[in-house]
């Protein structure tokens, strides 16, 4: 009986300890930590381009109260007077949207122009900046080989010009300079047609302007993809610029009209 009593007491003690241990266990399972998902690849593509544009110039510049001076020169005539040139562009696009910007800065030293007033010799110096920024949405097309975007943006101009007049007699000489900057809103299209895995066609065009100013641009090229990162293209570009300020009594006005047109060889790095 003594052994039986001790056994009963041991069983009761074991049950009590088990109940106490069970009371200490958590009543709910801990929440599982979220499994990190792999990052999806970006659908955006980026391109940086050196625009090897070799334009000819047809321009007319009038500053202050001097008459407008016309200048016509092809790229070979301009090269000896070229003092600075920066042509670059950046583009980012995906299946639905595009954003981009480009910069053209050129400085031409003294270029002989048309005959000045009273038959004097005339020369023209131009320092010009044209910077464009735009954004757009993709236009649906029947073929997946066409990627066309409608774009809306603005083109900023800064033009500083001077006219140098010198007479071959009497020692007459006069230099007048003036600078202006303005912004034109633009609207246009930009696109690419894929011919095959290597060849493609690029095209773009835009027009714009405001009161007293106007701008237009057209470009077409055929390109070749050398690798996933490097492409080259050969085409032709035209850029038109017009700006005129109201004439001031005695102070004249600023009058500028320019056509830049010529072949372009581009090298693009995609990343």
Protein backbone atom coordinates (compact mmCIF):
# COMPACT_ATOMS: atom_id res chain seq x y z
CA UNK A 1 0.00 0.00 0.00
CA UNK A 2 2.84 2.35 0.81
CA UNK A 3 4.32 1.80 -2.65
CA UNK A 4 0.94 2.29 -4.24
CA UNK A 5 0.45 5.61 -2.43
CA UNK A 6 3.85 6.84 -3.53
CA UNK A 7 3.06 5.92 -7.17
CA UNK A 8 -0.18 7.85 -7.06
CA UNK A 9 1.57 10.90 -5.62
CA UNK A 10 4.27 10.72 -8.37
CA UNK A 11 1.63 10.53 -11.11
CA UNK A 12 -0.23 13.52 -9.69
CA UNK A 13 3.03 15.52 -9.53
CA UNK A 14 3.88 14.67 -13.15
CA UNK A 15 0.45 15.76 -14.37
CA UNK A 16 0.71 19.01 -12.45
CA UNK A 17 4.14 19.74 -13.94
CA UNK A 18 2.87 18.96 -17.43
CA UNK A 19 -0.07 21.30 -16.97
CA UNK A 20 2.24 24.08 -15.78
CA UNK A 21 4.54 23.57 -18.76
CA UNK A 22 1.59 23.59 -21.16
CA UNK A 23 0.37 26.84 -19.62
CA UNK A 24 3.76 28.41 -20.38
CA UNK A 25 3.61 27.52 -24.15
CA UNK A 26 2.37 30.28 -26.57
CA UNK A 27 -1.24 29.92 -27.56
CA UNK A 28 -0.64 31.24 -31.16
CA UNK A 29 2.00 30.38 -33.72
CA UNK A 30 4.41 33.26 -34.57
CA UNK A 31 3.75 35.01 -37.89
CA UNK A 32 5.97 33.84 -40.72
CA UNK A 33 8.44 36.40 -42.05
CA UNK A 34 7.64 37.48 -45.64
CA UNK A 35 9.79 35.84 -48.25
CA UNK A 36 11.67 38.55 -50.24
CA UNK A 37 10.66 38.57 -53.89
CA UNK A 38 13.30 39.07 -56.58
CA UNK A 39 13.33 42.56 -58.10
CA UNK A 40 11.72 42.71 -61.54
CA UNK A 41 13.95 44.04 -64.33
CA UNK A 42 13.29 47.67 -65.29
CA UNK A 43 11.42 48.22 -68.55
CA UNK A 44 13.15 51.57 -69.10
CA UNK A 45 15.90 51.89 -71.70
CA UNK A 46 18.46 54.71 -71.68
CA UNK A 47 20.52 56.07 -74.56
CA UNK A 48 23.29 58.68 -74.67
CA UNK A 49 24.29 59.96 -78.11
CA UNK A 50 27.06 62.07 -79.59
CA UNK A 51 25.39 63.80 -82.52
CA UNK A 52 28.03 64.16 -85.22
CA UNK A 53 26.14 66.84 -87.15
CA UNK A 54 27.97 68.69 -89.93
CA UNK A 55 25.54 71.45 -90.92
CA UNK A 56 25.75 74.16 -93.52
CA UNK A 57 24.56 77.61 -92.48
CA UNK A 58 22.08 80.00 -94.02
CA UNK A 59 21.42 82.87 -91.63
CA UNK A 60 20.46 86.50 -91.37
CA UNK A 61 21.26 88.60 -88.32
CA UNK A 62 20.34 92.20 -87.57
CA UNK A 63 21.31 93.88 -84.30
CA UNK A 64 20.23 97.23 -82.91
CA UNK A 65 19.84 99.75 -85.74
CA UNK A 66 22.16 98.00 -88.22
CA UNK A 67 20.58 96.32 -91.26
CA UNK A 68 20.27 92.51 -91.26
CA UNK A 69 23.39 90.81 -92.58
CA UNK A 70 22.93 87.55 -94.58
CA UNK A 71 25.49 84.74 -94.36
CA UNK A 72 25.66 81.57 -96.49
CA UNK A 73 28.36 78.99 -95.83
CA UNK A 74 28.71 75.22 -96.20
CA UNK A 75 30.37 73.06 -93.58
CA UNK A 76 33.80 73.30 -95.24
CA UNK A 77 33.64 77.09 -95.24
CA UNK A 78 32.52 77.11 -91.60
CA UNK A 79 35.21 74.78 -90.24
CA UNK A 80 38.02 77.40 -90.24
CA UNK A 81 35.77 79.68 -88.16
CA UNK A 82 34.50 77.02 -85.75
CA UNK A 83 35.60 77.92 -82.22
CA UNK A 84 33.37 75.58 -80.20
CA UNK A 85 30.87 72.80 -80.80
CA UNK A 86 28.91 70.52 -78.42
CA UNK A 87 26.13 68.25 -79.82
CA UNK A 88 24.77 65.64 -77.35
CA UNK A 89 21.41 64.04 -76.53
CA UNK A 90 19.86 61.75 -73.88
CA UNK A 91 16.73 59.61 -74.19
CA UNK A 92 14.84 57.32 -71.80
CA UNK A 93 11.87 55.26 -72.98
CA UNK A 94 9.72 52.22 -72.27
CA UNK A 95 6.71 50.62 -73.93
CA UNK A 96 4.45 53.56 -73.07
CA UNK A 97 6.46 56.73 -72.42
CA UNK A 98 9.53 58.64 -73.57
CA UNK A 99 11.52 61.55 -72.12
CA UNK A 100 14.57 63.18 -73.60
CA UNK A 101 16.82 66.20 -73.89
CA UNK A 102 19.42 67.44 -76.33
CA UNK A 103 21.96 70.26 -76.44
CA UNK A 104 23.57 72.06 -79.36
CA UNK A 105 26.15 74.74 -78.63
CA UNK A 106 28.18 76.33 -81.40
CA UNK A 107 30.43 79.36 -81.63
CA UNK A 108 31.50 80.72 -85.00
CA UNK A 109 34.22 83.33 -85.30
CA UNK A 110 34.16 86.15 -87.82
CA UNK A 111 32.42 84.88 -90.97
CA UNK A 112 32.19 87.11 -94.04
CA UNK A 113 28.63 88.02 -94.84
CA UNK A 114 26.86 89.75 -97.65
CA UNK A 115 27.63 93.36 -98.55
CA UNK A 116 26.97 95.76 -95.72
CA UNK A 117 25.46 99.24 -96.01
CA UNK A 118 27.18 101.59 -98.48
CA UNK A 119 29.29 98.72 -99.84
CA UNK A 120 31.40 98.24 -96.69
CA UNK A 121 32.89 94.86 -95.84
CA UNK A 122 30.82 92.94 -93.29
CA UNK A 123 31.54 90.08 -90.91
CA UNK A 124 29.39 88.12 -88.50
CA UNK A 125 30.17 86.36 -85.21
CA UNK A 126 27.58 83.99 -83.69
CA UNK A 127 27.48 82.21 -80.32
CA UNK A 128 24.38 80.01 -80.24
CA UNK A 129 22.82 77.52 -77.81
CA UNK A 130 19.75 75.40 -78.52
CA UNK A 131 18.55 73.07 -75.75
CA UNK A 132 15.43 70.91 -76.05
CA UNK A 133 13.51 68.90 -73.44
CA UNK A 134 10.43 66.80 -74.16
CA UNK A 135 8.18 64.01 -72.97
CA UNK A 136 5.70 61.84 -74.82
CA UNK A 137 3.38 58.85 -75.00
CA UNK A 138 3.48 55.95 -77.42
CA UNK A 139 1.09 55.90 -80.35
CA UNK A 140 -0.46 52.45 -80.98
CA UNK A 141 0.70 50.87 -84.27
CA UNK A 142 -0.39 47.76 -86.12
CA UNK A 143 3.15 46.37 -86.32
CA UNK A 144 5.37 45.75 -83.25
CA UNK A 145 8.35 46.76 -85.39
CA UNK A 146 7.17 50.39 -85.23
CA UNK A 147 7.74 52.41 -82.04
CA UNK A 148 6.26 55.90 -82.44
CA UNK A 149 5.81 58.53 -79.71
CA UNK A 150 3.88 61.79 -79.76
CA UNK A 151 6.01 64.38 -77.94
CA UNK A 152 5.44 67.73 -76.29
CA UNK A 153 8.23 69.93 -75.00
CA UNK A 154 10.15 73.20 -75.21
CA UNK A 155 13.25 74.45 -77.01
CA UNK A 156 15.43 77.10 -75.40
CA UNK A 157 17.56 79.41 -77.53
CA UNK A 158 20.36 81.76 -76.60
CA UNK A 159 21.89 83.72 -79.45
CA UNK A 160 24.65 86.29 -79.14
CA UNK A 161 25.73 87.93 -82.37
CA UNK A 162 27.89 90.79 -83.49
CA UNK A 163 28.26 92.57 -86.82
CA UNK A 164 31.59 94.06 -87.84
CA UNK A 165 31.45 96.70 -90.60
CA UNK A 166 34.63 98.07 -92.17
CA UNK A 167 34.92 100.35 -95.18
CA UNK A 168 37.87 100.02 -97.55
CA UNK A 169 38.15 103.80 -97.57
CA UNK A 170 38.00 106.56 -95.02
CA UNK A 171 38.79 104.28 -92.06
CA UNK A 172 35.12 103.64 -91.33
CA UNK A 173 34.60 100.87 -88.81
CA UNK A 174 31.72 99.88 -86.60
CA UNK A 175 30.95 96.87 -84.43
CA UNK A 176 27.55 96.23 -82.88
CA UNK A 177 26.57 93.22 -80.80
CA UNK A 178 23.44 92.00 -79.05
CA UNK A 179 22.18 88.84 -77.38
CA UNK A 180 18.75 87.36 -76.77
CA UNK A 181 17.32 84.23 -75.22
CA UNK A 182 13.82 82.80 -75.54
CA UNK A 183 11.79 79.58 -75.26
CA UNK A 184 9.50 78.05 -77.88
CA UNK A 185 6.98 75.30 -77.06
CA UNK A 186 7.16 72.39 -79.51
CA UNK A 187 4.99 69.44 -80.55
CA UNK A 188 6.03 66.54 -82.75
CA UNK A 189 6.72 62.84 -83.22
CA UNK A 190 9.74 60.64 -82.62
CA UNK A 191 10.09 57.02 -83.59
CA UNK A 192 12.03 54.00 -84.77
CA UNK A 193 11.25 51.24 -87.24
CA UNK A 194 12.98 47.92 -86.66
CA UNK A 195 14.04 46.32 -89.94
CA UNK A 196 15.67 43.26 -88.35
CA UNK A 197 17.83 42.42 -85.35
CA UNK A 198 20.59 44.76 -86.60
CA UNK A 199 19.15 47.44 -88.87
CA UNK A 200 16.66 50.18 -88.00
CA UNK A 201 15.34 53.55 -89.17
CA UNK A 202 15.09 56.58 -86.86
CA UNK A 203 12.92 59.61 -87.57
CA UNK A 204 11.69 62.70 -85.75
CA UNK A 205 10.04 66.01 -86.47
CA UNK A 206 8.66 68.93 -84.49
CA UNK A 207 7.34 72.46 -84.91
CA UNK A 208 6.70 75.26 -82.45
CA UNK A 209 6.91 78.91 -81.69
CA UNK A 210 5.43 81.86 -79.92
CA UNK A 211 4.68 85.48 -80.72
CA UNK A 212 7.65 86.76 -82.70
CA UNK A 213 9.49 83.41 -82.84
CA UNK A 214 9.31 80.03 -84.57
CA UNK A 215 11.23 76.78 -84.76
CA UNK A 216 11.05 73.52 -86.71
CA UNK A 217 13.19 70.40 -86.96
CA UNK A 218 13.29 67.31 -89.15
CA UNK A 219 15.56 64.26 -88.98
CA UNK A 220 15.81 60.84 -90.62
CA UNK A 221 18.53 58.18 -90.44
CA UNK A 222 19.31 54.53 -90.97
CA UNK A 223 21.16 52.78 -88.17
CA UNK A 224 23.02 49.59 -87.30
CA UNK A 225 23.26 47.82 -83.95
CA UNK A 226 26.79 46.56 -83.35
CA UNK A 227 26.04 45.16 -79.90
CA UNK A 228 23.50 45.48 -77.11
CA UNK A 229 25.21 48.73 -76.08
CA UNK A 230 26.56 50.36 -79.24
CA UNK A 231 24.66 51.60 -82.30
CA UNK A 232 25.57 54.00 -85.09
CA UNK A 233 23.37 55.82 -87.58
CA UNK A 234 23.77 58.03 -90.65
CA UNK A 235 21.13 60.56 -91.62
CA UNK A 236 20.22 64.17 -92.35
CA UNK A 237 18.95 66.95 -90.04
CA UNK A 238 17.35 70.35 -90.63
CA UNK A 239 16.82 72.97 -87.90
CA UNK A 240 15.02 76.26 -88.51
CA UNK A 241 15.05 79.21 -86.10
CA UNK A 242 13.37 82.60 -86.28
CA UNK A 243 13.17 85.39 -83.72
CA UNK A 244 12.48 89.13 -83.85
CA UNK A 245 11.94 91.74 -81.17
CA UNK A 246 9.79 94.84 -81.67
CA UNK A 247 11.78 97.82 -82.88
CA UNK A 248 12.63 100.50 -80.34
CA UNK A 249 12.82 104.12 -81.37
CA UNK A 250 16.50 104.83 -82.02
CA UNK A 251 17.60 101.45 -80.64
CA UNK A 252 16.55 99.22 -83.52
CA UNK A 253 15.68 95.58 -82.94
CA UNK A 254 17.15 92.10 -82.81
CA UNK A 255 16.39 90.04 -85.95
CA UNK A 256 17.58 86.47 -86.38
CA UNK A 257 16.68 83.81 -88.93
CA UNK A 258 18.69 80.64 -89.48
CA UNK A 259 18.66 77.35 -91.36
CA UNK A 260 21.09 74.66 -90.26
CA UNK A 261 21.03 71.59 -92.48
CA UNK A 262 23.42 68.77 -93.22
CA UNK A 263 24.42 65.12 -92.76
CA UNK A 264 24.70 63.60 -89.31
CA UNK A 265 26.62 60.57 -88.05
CA UNK A 266 25.58 59.48 -84.55
CA UNK A 267 27.20 57.13 -82.05
CA UNK A 268 24.84 55.90 -79.30
CA UNK A 269 25.57 54.05 -76.07
CA UNK A 270 22.57 52.21 -74.58
CA UNK A 271 22.39 51.18 -70.92
